[in-house]
C-alpha atoms as a PDB file:
ATOM      1  CA  MET A   1      -2.880   4.685  22.742  1.00  0.00           C
ATOM      2  CA  GLU A   2       0.000   4.206  20.309  1.00  0.00           C
ATOM      3  CA  LEU A   3       0.334   2.319  17.048  1.00  0.00           C
ATOM      4  CA  ILE A   4       3.523   1.772  15.041  1.00  0.00           C
ATOM      5  CA  PHE A   5       3.289   1.998  11.245  1.00  0.00           C
ATOM      6  CA  ALA A   6       6.020  -0.188   9.711  1.00  0.00           C
ATOM      7  CA  THR A   7       7.335   2.612   7.518  1.00  0.00           C
ATOM      8  CA  ASN A   8       9.454   5.741   7.677  1.00  0.00           C
ATOM      9  CA  ASN A   9       7.393   7.478   5.008  1.00  0.00           C
ATOM     10  CA  ARG A  10       6.261  10.582   6.897  1.00  0.00           C
ATOM     11  CA  HIS A  11       3.637  11.447   4.266  1.00  0.00           C
ATOM     12  CA  LYS A  12       1.861   8.103   4.718  1.00  0.00           C
ATOM     13  CA  VAL A  13       1.967   8.460   8.496  1.00  0.00           C
ATOM     14  CA  GLU A  14       0.522  11.976   8.391  1.00  0.00           C
ATOM     15  CA  GLU A  15      -2.354  10.820   6.174  1.00  0.00           C
ATOM     16  CA  ILE A  16      -3.272   7.988   8.532  1.00  0.00           C
ATOM     17  CA  GLN A  17      -2.873  10.179  11.629  1.00  0.00           C
ATOM     18  CA  SER A  18      -5.098  12.850  10.122  1.00  0.00           C
ATOM     19  CA  ALA A  19      -7.796  10.309   9.330  1.00  0.00           C
ATOM     20  CA  ILE A  20      -7.732   8.713  12.786  1.00  0.00           C
ATOM     21  CA  GLY A  21      -7.612  11.924  14.799  1.00  0.00           C
ATOM     22  CA  ASP A  22      -5.941  12.358  18.181  1.00  0.00           C
ATOM     23  CA  LYS A  23      -7.277   9.267  19.971  1.00  0.00           C
ATOM     24  CA  ILE A  24      -4.432   7.077  18.680  1.00  0.00           C
ATOM     25  CA  LYS A  25      -0.812   8.183  18.144  1.00  0.00           C
ATOM     26  CA  ILE A  26       0.844   6.812  14.996  1.00  0.00           C
ATOM     27  CA  ARG A  27       4.636   6.358  15.133  1.00  0.00           C
ATOM     28  CA  THR A  28       7.129   5.599  12.373  1.00  0.00           C
ATOM     29  CA  LEU A  29       9.779   2.908  12.734  1.00  0.00           C
ATOM     30  CA  SER A  30      12.468   5.505  13.387  1.00  0.00           C
ATOM     31  CA  GLU A  31      10.325   7.167  16.057  1.00  0.00           C
ATOM     32  CA  ALA A  32       9.979   3.752  17.698  1.00  0.00           C
ATOM     33  CA  GLY A  33      13.777   3.304  17.639  1.00  0.00           C
ATOM     34  CA  ILE A  34      13.615   0.470  15.087  1.00  0.00           C
ATOM     35  CA  ASP A  35      16.186   0.411  12.286  1.00  0.00           C
ATOM     36  CA  ILE A  36      15.877  -2.795  10.277  1.00  0.00           C
ATOM     37  CA  ASP A  37      15.187  -3.865   6.706  1.00  0.00           C
ATOM     38  CA  ILE A  38      12.395  -6.438   6.834  1.00  0.00           C
ATOM     39  CA  PRO A  39      12.496  -8.977   3.965  1.00  0.00           C
ATOM     40  CA  GLU A  40       9.454  -9.706   1.831  1.00  0.00           C
ATOM     41  CA  PRO A  41      10.077 -13.324   0.818  1.00  0.00           C
ATOM     42  CA  TYR A  42       6.526 -14.561   0.298  1.00  0.00           C
ATOM     43  CA  ASP A  43       4.408 -14.870  -2.821  1.00  0.00           C
ATOM     44  CA  THR A  44       1.314 -13.069  -1.499  1.00  0.00           C
ATOM     45  CA  LEU A  45       0.738  -9.503  -0.348  1.00  0.00           C
ATOM     46  CA  GLU A  46      -0.996 -10.813   2.780  1.00  0.00           C
ATOM     47  CA  ALA A  47       1.976 -12.930   3.854  1.00  0.00           C
ATOM     48  CA  ASN A  48       4.512 -10.160   3.275  1.00  0.00           C
ATOM     49  CA  ALA A  49       2.421  -7.565   5.125  1.00  0.00           C
ATOM     50  CA  LEU A  50       1.909  -9.949   8.036  1.00  0.00           C
ATOM     51  CA  GLN A  51       5.633 -10.759   8.164  1.00  0.00           C
ATOM     52  CA  LYS A  52       6.444  -7.077   8.598  1.00  0.00           C
ATOM     53  CA  ALA A  53       3.760  -6.512  11.226  1.00  0.00           C
ATOM     54  CA  ARG A  54       4.784  -9.583  13.227  1.00  0.00           C
ATOM     55  CA  THR A  55       8.442  -8.586  13.105  1.00  0.00           C
ATOM     56  CA  ILE A  56       7.717  -5.102  14.458  1.00  0.00           C
ATOM     57  CA  PHE A  57       5.376  -6.430  17.136  1.00  0.00           C
ATOM     58  CA  GLN A  58       7.989  -8.947  18.314  1.00  0.00           C
ATOM     59  CA  LEU A  59      10.618  -6.198  18.530  1.00  0.00           C
ATOM     60  CA  SER A  60       8.457  -3.573  20.218  1.00  0.00           C
ATOM     61  CA  GLY A  61       5.529  -5.268  21.923  1.00  0.00           C
ATOM     62  CA  ILE A  62       3.425  -2.340  20.643  1.00  0.00           C
ATOM     63  CA  ASP A  63       0.339  -2.629  18.442  1.00  0.00           C
ATOM     64  CA  CYS A  64       1.397  -2.054  14.842  1.00  0.00           C
ATOM     65  CA  PHE A  65       0.489  -2.345  11.175  1.00  0.00           C
ATOM     66  CA  SER A  66       2.193  -2.627   7.810  1.00  0.00           C
ATOM     67  CA  GLU A  67       1.167  -2.659   4.168  1.00  0.00           C
ATOM     68  CA  ASP A  68       2.130  -4.332   0.930  1.00  0.00           C
ATOM     69  CA  THR A  69       0.936  -3.227  -2.497  1.00  0.00           C
ATOM     70  CA  GLY A  70       1.156  -4.804  -5.926  1.00  0.00           C
ATOM     71  CA  LEU A  71       0.109  -4.198  -9.522  1.00  0.00           C
ATOM     72  CA  GLU A  72      -1.681  -7.244 -10.933  1.00  0.00           C
ATOM     73  CA  VAL A  73      -2.006  -7.392 -14.730  1.00  0.00           C
ATOM     74  CA  GLU A  74      -4.671  -9.707 -16.121  1.00  0.00           C
ATOM     75  CA  SER A  75      -2.923 -10.864 -19.288  1.00  0.00           C
ATOM     76  CA  LEU A  76       0.330 -11.476 -17.365  1.00  0.00           C
ATOM     77  CA  ASN A  77      -1.382 -13.872 -14.947  1.00  0.00           C
ATOM     78  CA  GLY A  78      -1.320 -11.349 -12.115  1.00  0.00           C
ATOM     79  CA  GLN A  79       2.273 -10.264 -12.545  1.00  0.00           C
ATOM     80  CA  PRO A  80       4.209  -8.307 -11.394  1.00  0.00           C
ATOM     81  CA  GLY A  81       2.132  -8.660  -8.197  1.00  0.00           C
ATOM     82  CA  VAL A  82       4.251  -9.000  -5.068  1.00  0.00           C
ATOM     83  CA  LYS A  83       7.344  -8.363  -7.211  1.00  0.00           C
ATOM     84  CA  SER A  84       6.078  -4.978  -8.403  1.00  0.00           C
ATOM     85  CA  ALA A  85       8.872  -2.922  -6.818  1.00  0.00           C
ATOM     86  CA  ARG A  86      11.575  -5.335  -8.033  1.00  0.00           C
ATOM     87  CA  TYR A  87      10.050  -6.349 -11.355  1.00  0.00           C
ATOM     88  CA  ALA A  88      13.135  -5.388 -13.371  1.00  0.00           C
ATOM     89  CA  GLY A  89      15.695  -6.033 -10.609  1.00  0.00           C
ATOM     90  CA  ASN A  90      16.448  -5.633  -6.926  1.00  0.00           C
ATOM     91  CA  GLU A  91      17.384  -1.951  -7.289  1.00  0.00           C
ATOM     92  CA  LYS A  92      13.689  -0.936  -7.330  1.00  0.00           C
ATOM     93  CA  ASP A  93      14.091   1.217 -10.455  1.00  0.00           C
ATOM     94  CA  PHE A  94      10.567   2.077 -11.575  1.00  0.00           C
ATOM     95  CA  GLU A  95      11.624   3.416 -14.962  1.00  0.00           C
ATOM     96  CA  LYS A  96      13.058  -0.015 -15.687  1.00  0.00           C
ATOM     97  CA  ASN A  97      10.016  -1.675 -14.138  1.00  0.00           C
ATOM     98  CA  ILE A  98       7.678   0.296 -16.403  1.00  0.00           C
ATOM     99  CA  GLY A  99       9.865  -0.456 -19.402  1.00  0.00           C
ATOM    100  CA  LYS A 100       9.704  -4.173 -18.685  1.00  0.00           C
ATOM    101  CA  LEU A 101       5.943  -4.038 -18.111  1.00  0.00           C
ATOM    102  CA  LEU A 102       5.265  -2.262 -21.412  1.00  0.00           C
ATOM    103  CA  SER A 103       7.561  -4.685 -23.214  1.00  0.00           C
ATOM    104  CA  GLU A 104       5.763  -7.687 -21.732  1.00  0.00           C
ATOM    105  CA  LEU A 105       2.402  -6.215 -22.784  1.00  0.00           C
ATOM    106  CA  ALA A 106       3.486  -5.238 -26.296  1.00  0.00           C
ATOM    107  CA  ASN A 107       1.643  -8.133 -27.959  1.00  0.00           C
ATOM    108  CA  HIS A 108      -1.394  -8.157 -25.666  1.00  0.00           C
ATOM    109  CA  ASP A 109      -4.708  -6.472 -26.466  1.00  0.00           C
ATOM    110  CA  ASN A 110      -5.993  -7.071 -22.939  1.00  0.00           C
ATOM    111  CA  ARG A 111      -4.399  -4.378 -20.786  1.00  0.00           C
ATOM    112  CA  ASN A 112      -6.717  -4.689 -17.779  1.00  0.00           C
ATOM    113  CA  ALA A 113      -4.973  -4.422 -14.433  1.00  0.00           C
ATOM    114  CA  ARG A 114      -5.567  -3.629 -10.812  1.00  0.00           C
ATOM    115  CA  PHE A 115      -3.626  -2.188  -7.918  1.00  0.00           C
ATOM    116  CA  ARG A 116      -4.174  -4.031  -4.645  1.00  0.00           C
ATOM    117  CA  THR A 117      -3.086  -2.965  -1.155  1.00  0.00           C
ATOM    118  CA  VAL A 118      -3.173  -5.206   1.891  1.00  0.00           C
ATOM    119  CA  ILE A 119      -2.756  -3.758   5.387  1.00  0.00           C
ATOM    120  CA  SER A 120      -1.858  -6.142   8.204  1.00  0.00           C
ATOM    121  CA  LEU A 121      -2.712  -4.949  11.712  1.00  0.00           C
ATOM    122  CA  ILE A 122      -1.758  -6.476  15.040  1.00  0.00           C
ATOM    123  CA  TRP A 123      -4.050  -5.063  17.717  1.00  0.00           C
ATOM    124  CA  SER A 124      -4.316  -6.403  21.280  1.00  0.00           C
ATOM    125  CA  GLY A 125      -2.549  -9.578  20.215  1.00  0.00           C
ATOM    126  CA  LYS A 126      -4.923 -10.297  17.315  1.00  0.00           C
ATOM    127  CA  GLU A 127      -4.178 -10.085  13.607  1.00  0.00           C
ATOM    128  CA  TYR A 128      -6.431  -8.287  11.115  1.00  0.00           C
ATOM    129  CA  PHE A 129      -6.310  -7.614   7.377  1.00  0.00           C
ATOM    130  CA  PHE A 130      -7.763  -4.713   5.393  1.00  0.00           C
ATOM    131  CA  ASP A 131      -7.567  -4.560   1.614  1.00  0.00           C
ATOM    132  CA  GLY A 132      -8.231  -2.042  -1.112  1.00  0.00           C
ATOM    133  CA  VAL A 133      -8.468  -2.547  -4.886  1.00  0.00           C
ATOM    134  CA  CYS A 134      -8.414  -0.131  -7.821  1.00  0.00           C
ATOM    135  CA  THR A 135      -9.104  -1.554 -11.281  1.00  0.00           C
ATOM    136  CA  GLY A 136      -7.961   0.110 -14.481  1.00  0.00           C
ATOM    137  CA  THR A 137      -5.906  -0.249 -17.656  1.00  0.00           C
ATOM    138  CA  ILE A 138      -2.246   0.009 -18.617  1.00  0.00           C
ATOM    139  CA  LEU A 139      -1.395   2.573 -21.305  1.00  0.00           C
ATOM    140  CA  HIS A 140       1.118   2.085 -24.103  1.00  0.00           C
ATOM    141  CA  GLY A 141       3.257   4.933 -22.762  1.00  0.00           C
ATOM    142  CA  ALA A 142       3.763   7.051 -19.654  1.00  0.00           C
ATOM    143  CA  ARG A 143       1.761  10.213 -18.927  1.00  0.00           C
ATOM    144  CA  GLY A 144       2.163  12.608 -16.021  1.00  0.00           C
ATOM    145  CA  THR A 145       4.831  13.429 -13.453  1.00  0.00           C
ATOM    146  CA  ASN A 146       3.060  13.065 -10.098  1.00  0.00           C
ATOM    147  CA  GLY A 147       2.973   9.953  -7.953  1.00  0.00           C
ATOM    148  CA  PHE A 148       5.457   7.105  -8.099  1.00  0.00           C
ATOM    149  CA  GLY A 149       5.811   3.500  -9.218  1.00  0.00           C
ATOM    150  CA  TYR A 150       3.516   2.582 -12.089  1.00  0.00           C
ATOM    151  CA  ASP A 151       1.261   5.631 -11.650  1.00  0.00           C
ATOM    152  CA  SER A 152       2.225   7.135 -15.017  1.00  0.00           C
ATOM    153  CA  VAL A 153       0.931   4.167 -17.047  1.00  0.00           C
ATOM    154  CA  PHE A 154      -2.189   3.306 -15.016  1.00  0.00           C
ATOM    155  CA  VAL A 155      -5.616   4.838 -15.687  1.00  0.00           C
ATOM    156  CA  PRO A 156      -8.240   3.916 -13.060  1.00  0.00           C
ATOM    157  CA  THR A 157     -11.644   2.673 -14.207  1.00  0.00           C
ATOM    158  CA  GLY A 158     -13.955   5.670 -14.620  1.00  0.00           C
ATOM    159  CA  ALA A 159     -11.091   8.148 -15.031  1.00  0.00           C
ATOM    160  CA  GLU A 160      -9.443   9.712 -18.073  1.00  0.00           C
ATOM    161  CA  ASN A 161      -6.111  10.573 -16.477  1.00  0.00           C
ATOM    162  CA  THR A 162      -3.333   8.411 -15.102  1.00  0.00           C
ATOM    163  CA  PHE A 163      -2.577   8.489 -11.383  1.00  0.00           C
ATOM    164  CA  ALA A 164       0.514  10.516 -12.303  1.00  0.00           C
ATOM    165  CA  GLU A 165      -1.686  13.213 -13.878  1.00  0.00           C
ATOM    166  CA  MET A 166      -3.810  13.579 -10.729  1.00  0.00           C
ATOM    167  CA  ASP A 167      -3.266  15.541  -7.550  1.00  0.00           C
ATOM    168  CA  MET A 168      -3.639  13.702  -4.239  1.00  0.00           C
ATOM    169  CA  LYS A 169      -7.286  14.690  -3.789  1.00  0.00           C
ATOM    170  CA  GLN A 170      -8.177  13.301  -7.214  1.00  0.00           C
ATOM    171  CA  LYS A 171      -6.110  10.159  -6.722  1.00  0.00           C
ATOM    172  CA  ASN A 172      -7.779   9.429  -3.390  1.00  0.00           C
ATOM    173  CA  GLN A 173     -11.129   9.102  -5.164  1.00  0.00           C
ATOM    174  CA  TYR A 174      -9.812   5.886  -6.723  1.00  0.00           C
ATOM    175  CA  SER A 175      -6.781   4.893  -4.658  1.00  0.00           C
ATOM    176  CA  HIS A 176      -6.391   1.286  -3.560  1.00  0.00           C
ATOM    177  CA  ARG A 177      -4.192   2.409  -0.673  1.00  0.00           C
ATOM    178  CA  ARG A 178      -6.783   4.919   0.499  1.00  0.00           C
ATOM    179  CA  LYS A 179      -9.538   2.272   0.381  1.00  0.00           C
ATOM    180  CA  ALA A 180      -7.498  -0.074   2.594  1.00  0.00           C
ATOM    181  CA  ALA A 181      -6.529   2.785   4.907  1.00  0.00           C
ATOM    182  CA  ASP A 182     -10.165   3.855   5.276  1.00  0.00           C
ATOM    183  CA  LYS A 183     -11.060   0.350   6.494  1.00  0.00           C
ATOM    184  CA  LEU A 184      -8.169   0.453   8.970  1.00  0.00           C
ATOM    185  CA  VAL A 185      -9.201   3.888  10.202  1.00  0.00           C
ATOM    186  CA  SER A 186     -12.821   2.802  10.648  1.00  0.00           C
ATOM    187  CA  PHE A 187     -11.706  -0.183  12.726  1.00  0.00           C
ATOM    188  CA  LEU A 188      -9.369   1.920  14.872  1.00  0.00           C
ATOM    189  CA  GLN A 189     -11.960   4.620  15.441  1.00  0.00           C
ATOM    190  CA  ASN A 190     -14.450   2.004  16.610  1.00  0.00           C
ATOM    191  CA  VAL A 191     -12.059   0.256  18.992  1.00  0.00           C
ATOM    192  CA  ALA A 192     -10.738   3.563  20.317  1.00  0.00           C
ATOM    193  CA  SER A 193     -14.247   4.798  21.057  1.00  0.00           C
ATOM    194  CA  THR A 194     -15.141   1.503  22.726  1.00  0.00           C
ATOM    195  CA  ARG A 195     -12.008   1.507  24.867  1.00  0.00           C
ATOM    196  CA  LEU A 196     -12.528   5.109  25.967  1.00  0.00           C
ATOM    197  CA  LYS A 197     -16.077   4.284  27.123  1.00  0.00           C
ATOM    198  CA  PHE A 198     -14.684   1.793  29.630  1.00  0.00           C
ATOM    199  CA  GLU A 199     -11.739   3.862  30.885  1.00  0.00           C
END
């Protein structure tokens, strides 16, 4: 069995493949011979993730999944949300994004926020969603050099360090993306085992 992950991020693919095992082969877009930039025009993570999954399924006819992730800040009414990567402009410059975020929060005492990941899966012609949430707070300045995006200003609930101060093992204890991926993996392991019983 094969499953296309709508990404060319080899690290993400390896993590998912390792979790699933060898019953299902995960392929990147480039490995599937797909070279397109899929727009994310919608105002929800679910709609954007589904758009990507549907696009890849229509092009390939192969079961596939995609993800969309956003940082939702309580005192900013859930912003930047789906615009997290382009918060300060279409160039996806996270230094500028962080600068804008800290500026917007300068006069707010409430710095509660959450990361949310939504995975959209198309499997045997049916559509499924898996989500993962990590709550936390936004600092007044950046700390740490690991990770990417807003990791350097986000401290998960129950932790003392930012995501950018953690190694991958530590981050996975809290990670929104890992929580969503674990749900996906559990589903795939169950359907793979069921299918193999009848083959």
